[in-house]
Amino acid sequence: MNSSRFLVALRCRGWTRSGGTAASSTSAQSTQPVVAARLPYRVKVSAGKRYAWCACGHSKKQPFCDGAHKSKAPSIPPLRFTPDKDRTVMLCACKQTKGPPYCDGSHFKVIFQDVMKSIKGVFK
């Protein structure tokens, strides 16, 4: 297999940091979160400020909620959190983390699954 053909296949499948064909292509209500991006967001948070992390993946203001879940995924509300000190954190964008809203590395599994789908697609 030609390596440039492999890279084209990855691009065609939407494998980018900004993510998600899944978030923009769903019109029906979803009961499972969609992947907003393949890599986590590095965000500066302030102590005592209240944040709403998007748990559904439909928000256009990732990684924070913009209310899109109300129509696209009403069963998946945002996770509200208040940091105890000013710091920079990695917030999950793949929505698969076991410790929301913080990234736990679950995006590697999402990326691996995308690569495997792309490889299988090249050989069809």
PDB file of N, CA and C in Angstrom:
ATOM      1  N   MET A   1       0.845  -1.187   0.000  1.00  0.00           N
ATOM      2  CA  MET A   1       0.000   0.000   0.000  1.00  0.00           C
ATOM      3  C   MET A   1       0.883   1.240   0.000  1.00  0.00           C
ATOM      4  N   ASN A   2       0.523   2.201  -0.797  1.00  0.00           N
ATOM      5  CA  ASN A   2       1.225   3.460  -0.901  1.00  0.00           C
ATOM      6  C   ASN A   2       0.942   4.310   0.342  1.00  0.00           C
ATOM      7  N   SER A   3       2.000   4.906   0.954  1.00  0.00           N
ATOM      8  CA  SER A   3       1.808   5.670   2.190  1.00  0.00           C
ATOM      9  C   SER A   3       0.980   6.925   1.963  1.00  0.00           C
ATOM     10  N   SER A   4       1.106   7.549   0.797  1.00  0.00           N
ATOM     11  CA  SER A   4       0.293   8.741   0.530  1.00  0.00           C
ATOM     12  C   SER A   4      -1.181   8.372   0.402  1.00  0.00           C
ATOM     13  N   ARG A   5      -1.472   7.199  -0.118  1.00  0.00           N
ATOM     14  CA  ARG A   5      -2.856   6.730  -0.221  1.00  0.00           C
ATOM     15  C   ARG A   5      -3.435   6.505   1.178  1.00  0.00           C
ATOM     16  N   PHE A   6      -2.618   5.997   2.087  1.00  0.00           N
ATOM     17  CA  PHE A   6      -3.039   5.781   3.464  1.00  0.00           C
ATOM     18  C   PHE A   6      -3.387   7.113   4.130  1.00  0.00           C
ATOM     19  N   LEU A   7      -2.543   8.145   3.935  1.00  0.00           N
ATOM     20  CA  LEU A   7      -2.801   9.454   4.532  1.00  0.00           C
ATOM     21  C   LEU A   7      -4.055  10.091   3.951  1.00  0.00           C
ATOM     22  N   VAL A   8      -4.273   9.917   2.663  1.00  0.00           N
ATOM     23  CA  VAL A   8      -5.489  10.435   2.044  1.00  0.00           C
ATOM     24  C   VAL A   8      -6.710   9.748   2.654  1.00  0.00           C
ATOM     25  N   ALA A   9      -6.610   8.444   2.887  1.00  0.00           N
ATOM     26  CA  ALA A   9      -7.719   7.710   3.496  1.00  0.00           C
ATOM     27  C   ALA A   9      -8.015   8.239   4.891  1.00  0.00           C
ATOM     28  N   LEU A  10      -6.971   8.554   5.652  1.00  0.00           N
ATOM     29  CA  LEU A  10      -7.181   9.096   6.988  1.00  0.00           C
ATOM     30  C   LEU A  10      -7.889  10.443   6.914  1.00  0.00           C
ATOM     31  N   ARG A  11      -7.455  11.299   6.009  1.00  0.00           N
ATOM     32  CA  ARG A  11      -8.085  12.622   5.869  1.00  0.00           C
ATOM     33  C   ARG A  11      -9.532  12.491   5.424  1.00  0.00           C
ATOM     34  N   CYS A  12      -9.799  11.570   4.513  1.00  0.00           N
ATOM     35  CA  CYS A  12     -11.156  11.388   4.020  1.00  0.00           C
ATOM     36  C   CYS A  12     -12.097  10.897   5.114  1.00  0.00           C
ATOM     37  N   ARG A  13     -11.568  10.198   6.069  1.00  0.00           N
ATOM     38  CA  ARG A  13     -12.383   9.696   7.170  1.00  0.00           C
ATOM     39  C   ARG A  13     -12.592  10.731   8.268  1.00  0.00           C
ATOM     40  N   GLY A  14     -12.040  11.935   8.108  1.00  0.00           N
ATOM     41  CA  GLY A  14     -12.235  12.986   9.096  1.00  0.00           C
ATOM     42  C   GLY A  14     -11.302  12.897  10.277  1.00  0.00           C
ATOM     43  N   TRP A  15     -10.130  12.277  10.110  1.00  0.00           N
ATOM     44  CA  TRP A  15      -9.191  12.113  11.219  1.00  0.00           C
ATOM     45  C   TRP A  15      -8.378  13.375  11.370  1.00  0.00           C
ATOM     46  N   THR A  16      -8.939  14.348  12.094  1.00  0.00           N
ATOM     47  CA  THR A  16      -8.262  15.615  12.333  1.00  0.00           C
ATOM     48  C   THR A  16      -8.442  15.993  13.786  1.00  0.00           C
ATOM     49  N   ARG A  17      -7.674  16.966  14.236  1.00  0.00           N
ATOM     50  CA  ARG A  17      -7.800  17.401  15.626  1.00  0.00           C
ATOM     51  C   ARG A  17      -9.166  18.009  15.869  1.00  0.00           C
ATOM     52  N   SER A  18      -9.647  18.779  14.915  1.00  0.00           N
ATOM     53  CA  SER A  18     -10.922  19.429  15.115  1.00  0.00           C
ATOM     54  C   SER A  18     -12.065  18.440  15.044  1.00  0.00           C
ATOM     55  N   GLY A  19     -11.750  17.234  14.696  1.00  0.00           N
ATOM     56  CA  GLY A  19     -12.609  16.135  14.941  1.00  0.00           C
ATOM     57  C   GLY A  19     -13.652  15.891  13.929  1.00  0.00           C
ATOM     58  N   GLY A  20     -14.695  16.085  14.174  1.00  0.00           N
ATOM     59  CA  GLY A  20     -15.801  15.300  14.088  1.00  0.00           C
ATOM     60  C   GLY A  20     -16.815  15.483  13.045  1.00  0.00           C
ATOM     61  N   THR A  21     -16.719  14.605  12.128  1.00  0.00           N
ATOM     62  CA  THR A  21     -17.835  14.439  11.232  1.00  0.00           C
ATOM     63  C   THR A  21     -19.024  13.939  12.031  1.00  0.00           C
ATOM     64  N   ALA A  22     -18.788  13.194  13.086  1.00  0.00           N
ATOM     65  CA  ALA A  22     -19.879  12.635  13.879  1.00  0.00           C
ATOM     66  C   ALA A  22     -20.717  13.725  14.534  1.00  0.00           C
ATOM     67  N   ALA A  23     -20.091  14.752  15.067  1.00  0.00           N
ATOM     68  CA  ALA A  23     -20.823  15.799  15.762  1.00  0.00           C
ATOM     69  C   ALA A  23     -21.673  16.623  14.803  1.00  0.00           C
ATOM     70  N   SER A  24     -21.194  16.844  13.599  1.00  0.00           N
ATOM     71  CA  SER A  24     -21.918  17.706  12.690  1.00  0.00           C
ATOM     72  C   SER A  24     -22.919  16.956  11.818  1.00  0.00           C
ATOM     73  N   SER A  25     -22.797  15.640  11.706  1.00  0.00           N
ATOM     74  CA  SER A  25     -23.643  14.924  10.769  1.00  0.00           C
ATOM     75  C   SER A  25     -24.879  14.306  11.409  1.00  0.00           C
ATOM     76  N   THR A  26     -24.961  14.271  12.718  1.00  0.00           N
ATOM     77  CA  THR A  26     -26.112  13.653  13.334  1.00  0.00           C
ATOM     78  C   THR A  26     -27.250  14.651  13.436  1.00  0.00           C
ATOM     79  N   SER A  27     -28.440  14.259  12.984  1.00  0.00           N
ATOM     80  CA  SER A  27     -29.579  15.146  13.074  1.00  0.00           C
ATOM     81  C   SER A  27     -30.569  14.646  14.116  1.00  0.00           C
ATOM     82  N   ALA A  28     -30.602  13.370  14.375  1.00  0.00           N
ATOM     83  CA  ALA A  28     -31.500  12.812  15.377  1.00  0.00           C
ATOM     84  C   ALA A  28     -30.886  12.965  16.763  1.00  0.00           C
ATOM     85  N   GLN A  29     -31.722  12.805  17.774  1.00  0.00           N
ATOM     86  CA  GLN A  29     -31.228  12.883  19.147  1.00  0.00           C
ATOM     87  C   GLN A  29     -30.365  11.668  19.432  1.00  0.00           C
ATOM     88  N   SER A  30     -29.222  11.913  20.103  1.00  0.00           N
ATOM     89  CA  SER A  30     -28.335  10.801  20.426  1.00  0.00           C
ATOM     90  C   SER A  30     -28.381  10.507  21.920  1.00  0.00           C
ATOM     91  N   THR A  31     -28.136   9.258  22.243  1.00  0.00           N
ATOM     92  CA  THR A  31     -28.106   8.838  23.646  1.00  0.00           C
ATOM     93  C   THR A  31     -26.677   8.559  24.099  1.00  0.00           C
ATOM     94  N   GLN A  32     -25.740   8.569  23.153  1.00  0.00           N
ATOM     95  CA  GLN A  32     -24.335   8.376  23.452  1.00  0.00           C
ATOM     96  C   GLN A  32     -23.575   9.624  23.005  1.00  0.00           C
ATOM     97  N   PRO A  33     -22.531  10.005  23.755  1.00  0.00           N
ATOM     98  CA  PRO A  33     -21.760  11.178  23.333  1.00  0.00           C
ATOM     99  C   PRO A  33     -21.034  10.922  22.015  1.00  0.00           C
ATOM    100  N   VAL A  34     -20.842  11.981  21.256  1.00  0.00           N
ATOM    101  CA  VAL A  34     -20.080  11.888  20.012  1.00  0.00           C
ATOM    102  C   VAL A  34     -18.697  12.491  20.243  1.00  0.00           C
ATOM    103  N   VAL A  35     -17.741  12.046  19.476  1.00  0.00           N
ATOM    104  CA  VAL A  35     -16.370  12.548  19.585  1.00  0.00           C
ATOM    105  C   VAL A  35     -16.326  13.953  19.003  1.00  0.00           C
ATOM    106  N   ALA A  36     -15.964  14.925  19.825  1.00  0.00           N
ATOM    107  CA  ALA A  36     -15.863  16.309  19.369  1.00  0.00           C
ATOM    108  C   ALA A  36     -14.515  16.565  18.708  1.00  0.00           C
ATOM    109  N   ALA A  37     -13.465  15.952  19.234  1.00  0.00           N
ATOM    110  CA  ALA A  37     -12.114  16.080  18.686  1.00  0.00           C
ATOM    111  C   ALA A  37     -11.303  14.870  19.121  1.00  0.00           C
ATOM    112  N   ARG A  38     -10.218  14.616  18.427  1.00  0.00           N
ATOM    113  CA  ARG A  38      -9.396  13.439  18.714  1.00  0.00           C
ATOM    114  C   ARG A  38      -8.369  13.674  19.816  1.00  0.00           C
ATOM    115  N   LEU A  39      -8.053  14.933  20.078  1.00  0.00           N
ATOM    116  CA  LEU A  39      -7.056  15.264  21.101  1.00  0.00           C
ATOM    117  C   LEU A  39      -7.693  16.162  22.158  1.00  0.00           C
ATOM    118  N   PRO A  40      -7.194  16.119  23.400  1.00  0.00           N
ATOM    119  CA  PRO A  40      -7.782  16.934  24.469  1.00  0.00           C
ATOM    120  C   PRO A  40      -7.500  18.428  24.273  1.00  0.00           C
ATOM    121  N   TYR A  41      -8.285  19.236  24.957  1.00  0.00           N
ATOM    122  CA  TYR A  41      -8.116  20.685  24.927  1.00  0.00           C
ATOM    123  C   TYR A  41      -7.297  21.119  26.135  1.00  0.00           C
ATOM    124  N   ARG A  42      -6.282  21.927  25.895  1.00  0.00           N
ATOM    125  CA  ARG A  42      -5.477  22.490  26.980  1.00  0.00           C
ATOM    126  C   ARG A  42      -6.100  23.838  27.329  1.00  0.00           C
ATOM    127  N   VAL A  43      -6.594  23.959  28.565  1.00  0.00           N
ATOM    128  CA  VAL A  43      -7.381  25.118  28.958  1.00  0.00           C
ATOM    129  C   VAL A  43      -6.886  25.668  30.287  1.00  0.00           C
ATOM    130  N   LYS A  44      -6.801  26.997  30.391  1.00  0.00           N
ATOM    131  CA  LYS A  44      -6.500  27.645  31.668  1.00  0.00           C
ATOM    132  C   LYS A  44      -7.815  27.876  32.384  1.00  0.00           C
ATOM    133  N   VAL A  45      -7.910  27.386  33.622  1.00  0.00           N
ATOM    134  CA  VAL A  45      -9.114  27.572  34.416  1.00  0.00           C
ATOM    135  C   VAL A  45      -8.783  28.405  35.645  1.00  0.00           C
ATOM    136  N   SER A  46      -9.777  29.113  36.143  1.00  0.00           N
ATOM    137  CA  SER A  46      -9.591  30.001  37.289  1.00  0.00           C
ATOM    138  C   SER A  46     -10.279  29.431  38.524  1.00  0.00           C
ATOM    139  N   ALA A  47      -9.632  29.582  39.661  1.00  0.00           N
ATOM    140  CA  ALA A  47     -10.179  29.104  40.929  1.00  0.00           C
ATOM    141  C   ALA A  47     -11.510  29.791  41.221  1.00  0.00           C
ATOM    142  N   GLY A  48     -12.474  29.003  41.654  1.00  0.00           N
ATOM    143  CA  GLY A  48     -13.766  29.536  42.052  1.00  0.00           C
ATOM    144  C   GLY A  48     -14.727  29.825  40.912  1.00  0.00           C
ATOM    145  N   LYS A  49     -14.257  29.804  39.675  1.00  0.00           N
ATOM    146  CA  LYS A  49     -15.139  30.046  38.529  1.00  0.00           C
ATOM    147  C   LYS A  49     -15.837  28.748  38.158  1.00  0.00           C
ATOM    148  N   ARG A  50     -17.115  28.844  37.849  1.00  0.00           N
ATOM    149  CA  ARG A  50     -17.899  27.657  37.511  1.00  0.00           C
ATOM    150  C   ARG A  50     -17.865  27.435  35.991  1.00  0.00           C
ATOM    151  N   TYR A  51     -17.571  26.206  35.592  1.00  0.00           N
ATOM    152  CA  TYR A  51     -17.498  25.838  34.178  1.00  0.00           C
ATOM    153  C   TYR A  51     -18.502  24.729  33.886  1.00  0.00           C
ATOM    154  N   ALA A  52     -18.944  24.670  32.631  1.00  0.00           N
ATOM    155  CA  ALA A  52     -19.830  23.599  32.184  1.00  0.00           C
ATOM    156  C   ALA A  52     -19.144  22.894  31.015  1.00  0.00           C
ATOM    157  N   TRP A  53     -18.606  21.704  31.285  1.00  0.00           N
ATOM    158  CA  TRP A  53     -17.915  20.909  30.269  1.00  0.00           C
ATOM    159  C   TRP A  53     -18.951  20.162  29.426  1.00  0.00           C
ATOM    160  N   CYS A  54     -18.827  20.260  28.126  1.00  0.00           N
ATOM    161  CA  CYS A  54     -19.743  19.567  27.217  1.00  0.00           C
ATOM    162  C   CYS A  54     -19.508  18.066  27.320  1.00  0.00           C
ATOM    163  N   ALA A  55     -20.532  17.339  27.701  1.00  0.00           N
ATOM    164  CA  ALA A  55     -20.424  15.887  27.829  1.00  0.00           C
ATOM    165  C   ALA A  55     -20.977  15.159  26.607  1.00  0.00           C
ATOM    166  N   CYS A  56     -21.783  15.858  25.793  1.00  0.00           N
ATOM    167  CA  CYS A  56     -22.426  15.194  24.656  1.00  0.00           C
ATOM    168  C   CYS A  56     -21.590  15.233  23.378  1.00  0.00           C
ATOM    169  N   GLY A  57     -20.728  16.248  23.247  1.00  0.00           N
ATOM    170  CA  GLY A  57     -19.887  16.379  22.059  1.00  0.00           C
ATOM    171  C   GLY A  57     -20.483  17.226  20.959  1.00  0.00           C
ATOM    172  N   HIS A  58     -21.682  17.749  21.136  1.00  0.00           N
ATOM    173  CA  HIS A  58     -22.348  18.522  20.092  1.00  0.00           C
ATOM    174  C   HIS A  58     -22.070  20.022  20.146  1.00  0.00           C
ATOM    175  N   SER A  59     -21.517  20.525  21.220  1.00  0.00           N
ATOM    176  CA  SER A  59     -21.282  21.956  21.386  1.00  0.00           C
ATOM    177  C   SER A  59     -20.326  22.495  20.328  1.00  0.00           C
ATOM    178  N   LYS A  60     -20.596  23.684  19.850  1.00  0.00           N
ATOM    179  CA  LYS A  60     -19.699  24.364  18.917  1.00  0.00           C
ATOM    180  C   LYS A  60     -18.622  25.143  19.675  1.00  0.00           C
ATOM    181  N   LYS A  61     -18.717  25.208  20.994  1.00  0.00           N
ATOM    182  CA  LYS A  61     -17.752  25.940  21.824  1.00  0.00           C
ATOM    183  C   LYS A  61     -16.917  24.970  22.666  1.00  0.00           C
ATOM    184  N   GLN A  62     -16.532  23.864  22.083  1.00  0.00           N
ATOM    185  CA  GLN A  62     -15.759  22.838  22.785  1.00  0.00           C
ATOM    186  C   GLN A  62     -14.548  23.433  23.479  1.00  0.00           C
ATOM    187  N   PRO A  63     -14.202  22.946  24.655  1.00  0.00           N
ATOM    188  CA  PRO A  63     -14.770  21.819  25.377  1.00  0.00           C
ATOM    189  C   PRO A  63     -15.930  22.201  26.288  1.00  0.00           C
ATOM    190  N   PHE A  64     -16.435  23.411  26.137  1.00  0.00           N
ATOM    191  CA  PHE A  64     -17.498  23.874  27.016  1.00  0.00           C
ATOM    192  C   PHE A  64     -18.866  23.779  26.352  1.00  0.00           C
ATOM    193  N   CYS A  65     -19.885  23.759  27.174  1.00  0.00           N
ATOM    194  CA  CYS A  65     -21.258  23.595  26.711  1.00  0.00           C
ATOM    195  C   CYS A  65     -21.809  24.891  26.137  1.00  0.00           C
ATOM    196  N   ASP A  66     -22.553  24.772  25.030  1.00  0.00           N
ATOM    197  CA  ASP A  66     -23.269  25.908  24.464  1.00  0.00           C
ATOM    198  C   ASP A  66     -24.769  25.656  24.426  1.00  0.00           C
ATOM    199  N   GLY A  67     -25.210  24.558  25.047  1.00  0.00           N
ATOM    200  CA  GLY A  67     -26.635  24.234  25.102  1.00  0.00           C
ATOM    201  C   GLY A  67     -27.117  23.342  23.974  1.00  0.00           C
ATOM    202  N   ALA A  68     -26.231  22.899  23.102  1.00  0.00           N
ATOM    203  CA  ALA A  68     -26.622  22.057  21.962  1.00  0.00           C
ATOM    204  C   ALA A  68     -27.258  20.743  22.408  1.00  0.00           C
ATOM    205  N   HIS A  69     -26.921  20.288  23.605  1.00  0.00           N
ATOM    206  CA  HIS A  69     -27.462  19.019  24.088  1.00  0.00           C
ATOM    207  C   HIS A  69     -28.983  19.065  24.253  1.00  0.00           C
ATOM    208  N   LYS A  70     -29.520  20.245  24.429  1.00  0.00           N
ATOM    209  CA  LYS A  70     -30.968  20.371  24.651  1.00  0.00           C
ATOM    210  C   LYS A  70     -31.768  19.819  23.481  1.00  0.00           C
ATOM    211  N   SER A  71     -31.258  19.990  22.271  1.00  0.00           N
ATOM    212  CA  SER A  71     -31.970  19.473  21.105  1.00  0.00           C
ATOM    213  C   SER A  71     -31.341  18.206  20.539  1.00  0.00           C
ATOM    214  N   LYS A  72     -30.023  18.066  20.656  1.00  0.00           N
ATOM    215  CA  LYS A  72     -29.346  16.935  20.014  1.00  0.00           C
ATOM    216  C   LYS A  72     -29.117  15.739  20.926  1.00  0.00           C
ATOM    217  N   ALA A  73     -29.005  15.982  22.243  1.00  0.00           N
ATOM    218  CA  ALA A  73     -28.772  14.880  23.190  1.00  0.00           C
ATOM    219  C   ALA A  73     -29.309  15.265  24.566  1.00  0.00           C
ATOM    220  N   PRO A  74     -30.638  15.375  24.695  1.00  0.00           N
ATOM    221  CA  PRO A  74     -31.211  15.837  25.956  1.00  0.00           C
ATOM    222  C   PRO A  74     -30.912  14.946  27.164  1.00  0.00           C
ATOM    223  N   SER A  75     -30.529  13.712  26.916  1.00  0.00           N
ATOM    224  CA  SER A  75     -30.224  12.810  28.034  1.00  0.00           C
ATOM    225  C   SER A  75     -28.779  12.924  28.512  1.00  0.00           C
ATOM    226  N   ILE A  76     -27.987  13.810  27.873  1.00  0.00           N
ATOM    227  CA  ILE A  76     -26.578  13.968  28.251  1.00  0.00           C
ATOM    228  C   ILE A  76     -26.325  15.429  28.650  1.00  0.00           C
ATOM    229  N   PRO A  77     -26.538  15.763  29.910  1.00  0.00           N
ATOM    230  CA  PRO A  77     -26.315  17.145  30.351  1.00  0.00           C
ATOM    231  C   PRO A  77     -24.829  17.445  30.504  1.00  0.00           C
ATOM    232  N   PRO A  78     -24.468  18.736  30.536  1.00  0.00           N
ATOM    233  CA  PRO A  78     -23.055  19.092  30.741  1.00  0.00           C
ATOM    234  C   PRO A  78     -22.629  18.774  32.170  1.00  0.00           C
ATOM    235  N   LEU A  79     -21.330  18.640  32.365  1.00  0.00           N
ATOM    236  CA  LEU A  79     -20.792  18.415  33.704  1.00  0.00           C
ATOM    237  C   LEU A  79     -20.292  19.764  34.223  1.00  0.00           C
ATOM    238  N   ARG A  80     -20.848  20.187  35.330  1.00  0.00           N
ATOM    239  CA  ARG A  80     -20.425  21.458  35.923  1.00  0.00           C
ATOM    240  C   ARG A  80     -19.326  21.185  36.939  1.00  0.00           C
ATOM    241  N   PHE A  81     -18.283  22.038  36.887  1.00  0.00           N
ATOM    242  CA  PHE A  81     -17.182  21.891  37.839  1.00  0.00           C
ATOM    243  C   PHE A  81     -16.595  23.243  38.177  1.00  0.00           C
ATOM    244  N   THR A  82     -16.010  23.320  39.364  1.00  0.00           N
ATOM    245  CA  THR A  82     -15.380  24.546  39.852  1.00  0.00           C
ATOM    246  C   THR A  82     -13.983  24.197  40.337  1.00  0.00           C
ATOM    247  N   PRO A  83     -12.939  24.667  39.651  1.00  0.00           N
ATOM    248  CA  PRO A  83     -11.559  24.361  40.070  1.00  0.00           C
ATOM    249  C   PRO A  83     -11.235  25.008  41.420  1.00  0.00           C
ATOM    250  N   ASP A  84     -10.371  24.346  42.188  1.00  0.00           N
ATOM    251  CA  ASP A  84      -9.979  24.864  43.495  1.00  0.00           C
ATOM    252  C   ASP A  84      -8.801  25.831  43.413  1.00  0.00           C
ATOM    253  N   LYS A  85      -8.080  25.831  42.270  1.00  0.00           N
ATOM    254  CA  LYS A  85      -6.979  26.778  42.090  1.00  0.00           C
ATOM    255  C   LYS A  85      -6.789  27.081  40.608  1.00  0.00           C
ATOM    256  N   ASP A  86      -6.140  28.204  40.325  1.00  0.00           N
ATOM    257  CA  ASP A  86      -5.813  28.565  38.948  1.00  0.00           C
ATOM    258  C   ASP A  86      -4.784  27.572  38.412  1.00  0.00           C
ATOM    259  N   ARG A  87      -5.049  27.029  37.235  1.00  0.00           N
ATOM    260  CA  ARG A  87      -4.103  26.091  36.633  1.00  0.00           C
ATOM    261  C   ARG A  87      -4.488  25.817  35.186  1.00  0.00           C
ATOM    262  N   THR A  88      -3.602  25.128  34.499  1.00  0.00           N
ATOM    263  CA  THR A  88      -3.875  24.680  33.139  1.00  0.00           C
ATOM    264  C   THR A  88      -4.192  23.193  33.197  1.00  0.00           C
ATOM    265  N   VAL A  89      -5.304  22.814  32.569  1.00  0.00           N
ATOM    266  CA  VAL A  89      -5.753  21.424  32.604  1.00  0.00           C
ATOM    267  C   VAL A  89      -5.984  20.916  31.186  1.00  0.00           C
ATOM    268  N   MET A  90      -6.026  19.621  31.049  1.00  0.00           N
ATOM    269  CA  MET A  90      -6.360  18.980  29.784  1.00  0.00           C
ATOM    270  C   MET A  90      -7.787  18.456  29.912  1.00  0.00           C
ATOM    271  N   LEU A  91      -8.696  19.051  29.144  1.00  0.00           N
ATOM    272  CA  LEU A  91     -10.099  18.636  29.184  1.00  0.00           C
ATOM    273  C   LEU A  91     -10.385  17.690  28.027  1.00  0.00           C
ATOM    274  N   CYS A  92     -11.093  16.636  28.329  1.00  0.00           N
ATOM    275  CA  CYS A  92     -11.398  15.595  27.356  1.00  0.00           C
ATOM    276  C   CYS A  92     -12.223  16.139  26.200  1.00  0.00           C
ATOM    277  N   ALA A  93     -11.866  15.743  24.988  1.00  0.00           N
ATOM    278  CA  ALA A  93     -12.610  16.125  23.796  1.00  0.00           C
ATOM    279  C   ALA A  93     -13.240  14.912  23.117  1.00  0.00           C
ATOM    280  N   CYS A  94     -12.732  13.718  23.431  1.00  0.00           N
ATOM    281  CA  CYS A  94     -13.283  12.513  22.803  1.00  0.00           C
ATOM    282  C   CYS A  94     -14.533  12.018  23.533  1.00  0.00           C
ATOM    283  N   LYS A  95     -14.765  12.538  24.725  1.00  0.00           N
ATOM    284  CA  LYS A  95     -15.946  12.233  25.545  1.00  0.00           C
ATOM    285  C   LYS A  95     -15.980  10.784  26.020  1.00  0.00           C
ATOM    286  N   GLN A  96     -14.832  10.121  26.028  1.00  0.00           N
ATOM    287  CA  GLN A  96     -14.745   8.733  26.461  1.00  0.00           C
ATOM    288  C   GLN A  96     -14.022   8.583  27.802  1.00  0.00           C
ATOM    289  N   THR A  97     -13.576   9.675  28.397  1.00  0.00           N
ATOM    290  CA  THR A  97     -12.801   9.629  29.630  1.00  0.00           C
ATOM    291  C   THR A  97     -13.571   8.990  30.780  1.00  0.00           C
ATOM    292  N   LYS A  98     -12.862   8.332  31.654  1.00  0.00           N
ATOM    293  CA  LYS A  98     -13.463   7.729  32.856  1.00  0.00           C
ATOM    294  C   LYS A  98     -13.448   8.716  34.017  1.00  0.00           C
ATOM    295  N   GLY A  99     -12.758   9.848  33.851  1.00  0.00           N
ATOM    296  CA  GLY A  99     -12.665  10.858  34.906  1.00  0.00           C
ATOM    297  C   GLY A  99     -13.042  12.241  34.408  1.00  0.00           C
ATOM    298  N   PRO A 100     -14.286  12.388  33.919  1.00  0.00           N
ATOM    299  CA  PRO A 100     -14.669  13.664  33.342  1.00  0.00           C
ATOM    300  C   PRO A 100     -14.577  14.803  34.351  1.00  0.00           C
ATOM    301  N   PRO A 101     -14.228  15.989  33.918  1.00  0.00           N
ATOM    302  CA  PRO A 101     -14.030  16.449  32.540  1.00  0.00           C
ATOM    303  C   PRO A 101     -12.589  16.303  32.057  1.00  0.00           C
ATOM    304  N   TYR A 102     -11.748  15.700  32.872  1.00  0.00           N
ATOM    305  CA  TYR A 102     -10.311  15.669  32.579  1.00  0.00           C
ATOM    306  C   TYR A 102      -9.935  14.495  31.671  1.00  0.00           C
ATOM    307  N   CYS A 103      -8.964  14.723  30.821  1.00  0.00           N
ATOM    308  CA  CYS A 103      -8.476  13.695  29.906  1.00  0.00           C
ATOM    309  C   CYS A 103      -7.768  12.592  30.680  1.00  0.00           C
ATOM    310  N   ASP A 104      -8.048  11.345  30.322  1.00  0.00           N
ATOM    311  CA  ASP A 104      -7.354  10.203  30.933  1.00  0.00           C
ATOM    312  C   ASP A 104      -6.615   9.362  29.890  1.00  0.00           C
ATOM    313  N   GLY A 105      -6.521   9.887  28.665  1.00  0.00           N
ATOM    314  CA  GLY A 105      -5.826   9.165  27.604  1.00  0.00           C
ATOM    315  C   GLY A 105      -6.728   8.292  26.757  1.00  0.00           C
ATOM    316  N   SER A 106      -8.022   8.314  27.000  1.00  0.00           N
ATOM    317  CA  SER A 106      -8.957   7.486  26.233  1.00  0.00           C
ATOM    318  C   SER A 106      -8.948   7.815  24.749  1.00  0.00           C
ATOM    319  N   HIS A 107      -8.489   9.019  24.390  1.00  0.00           N
ATOM    320  CA  HIS A 107      -8.473   9.410  22.982  1.00  0.00           C
ATOM    321  C   HIS A 107      -7.547   8.521  22.152  1.00  0.00           C
ATOM    322  N   PHE A 108      -6.564   7.895  22.781  1.00  0.00           N
ATOM    323  CA  PHE A 108      -5.691   6.983  22.027  1.00  0.00           C
ATOM    324  C   PHE A 108      -6.485   5.805  21.476  1.00  0.00           C
ATOM    325  N   LYS A 109      -7.462   5.335  22.242  1.00  0.00           N
ATOM    326  CA  LYS A 109      -8.315   4.247  21.779  1.00  0.00           C
ATOM    327  C   LYS A 109      -9.179   4.717  20.603  1.00  0.00           C
ATOM    328  N   VAL A 110      -9.700   5.938  20.696  1.00  0.00           N
ATOM    329  CA  VAL A 110     -10.518   6.504  19.621  1.00  0.00           C
ATOM    330  C   VAL A 110      -9.682   6.653  18.353  1.00  0.00           C
ATOM    331  N   ILE A 111      -8.472   7.173  18.480  1.00  0.00           N
ATOM    332  CA  ILE A 111      -7.584   7.344  17.328  1.00  0.00           C
ATOM    333  C   ILE A 111      -7.252   5.991  16.707  1.00  0.00           C
ATOM    334  N   PHE A 112      -6.952   4.997  17.552  1.00  0.00           N
ATOM    335  CA  PHE A 112      -6.636   3.657  17.054  1.00  0.00           C
ATOM    336  C   PHE A 112      -7.823   3.081  16.274  1.00  0.00           C
ATOM    337  N   GLN A 113      -9.033   3.255  16.809  1.00  0.00           N
ATOM    338  CA  GLN A 113     -10.220   2.747  16.119  1.00  0.00           C
ATOM    339  C   GLN A 113     -10.404   3.439  14.770  1.00  0.00           C
ATOM    340  N   ASP A 114     -10.147   4.746  14.716  1.00  0.00           N
ATOM    341  CA  ASP A 114     -10.253   5.482  13.453  1.00  0.00           C
ATOM    342  C   ASP A 114      -9.240   4.987  12.433  1.00  0.00           C
ATOM    343  N   VAL A 115      -8.008   4.762  12.882  1.00  0.00           N
ATOM    344  CA  VAL A 115      -6.968   4.272  11.978  1.00  0.00           C
ATOM    345  C   VAL A 115      -7.343   2.894  11.446  1.00  0.00           C
ATOM    346  N   MET A 116      -7.842   2.032  12.309  1.00  0.00           N
ATOM    347  CA  MET A 116      -8.221   0.683  11.874  1.00  0.00           C
ATOM    348  C   MET A 116      -9.359   0.737  10.853  1.00  0.00           C
ATOM    349  N   LYS A 117     -10.341   1.612  11.078  1.00  0.00           N
ATOM    350  CA  LYS A 117     -11.434   1.762  10.103  1.00  0.00           C
ATOM    351  C   LYS A 117     -10.889   2.258   8.768  1.00  0.00           C
ATOM    352  N   SER A 118      -9.944   3.198   8.821  1.00  0.00           N
ATOM    353  CA  SER A 118      -9.367   3.737   7.594  1.00  0.00           C
ATOM    354  C   SER A 118      -8.585   2.672   6.828  1.00  0.00           C
ATOM    355  N   ILE A 119      -7.831   1.873   7.560  1.00  0.00           N
ATOM    356  CA  ILE A 119      -7.050   0.814   6.926  1.00  0.00           C
ATOM    357  C   ILE A 119      -7.980  -0.194   6.264  1.00  0.00           C
ATOM    358  N   LYS A 120      -9.030  -0.586   6.976  1.00  0.00           N
ATOM    359  CA  LYS A 120      -9.987  -1.540   6.408  1.00  0.00           C
ATOM    360  C   LYS A 120     -10.649  -0.962   5.169  1.00  0.00           C
ATOM    361  N   GLY A 121     -10.941   0.361   5.203  1.00  0.00           N
ATOM    362  CA  GLY A 121     -11.576   1.023   4.059  1.00  0.00           C
ATOM    363  C   GLY A 121     -10.696   1.052   2.829  1.00  0.00           C
ATOM    364  N   VAL A 122      -9.391   1.133   3.004  1.00  0.00           N
ATOM    365  CA  VAL A 122      -8.460   1.186   1.880  1.00  0.00           C
ATOM    366  C   VAL A 122      -8.460  -0.155   1.133  1.00  0.00           C
ATOM    367  N   PHE A 123      -8.645  -1.241   1.865  1.00  0.00           N
ATOM    368  CA  PHE A 123      -8.563  -2.564   1.262  1.00  0.00           C
ATOM    369  C   PHE A 123      -9.906  -3.074   0.719  1.00  0.00           C
ATOM    370  N   LYS A 124     -10.953  -2.280   0.809  1.00  0.00           N
ATOM    371  CA  LYS A 124     -12.255  -2.726   0.295  1.00  0.00           C
ATOM    372  C   LYS A 124     -12.345  -2.513  -1.196  1.00  0.00           C
TER     373      LYS A 124
END
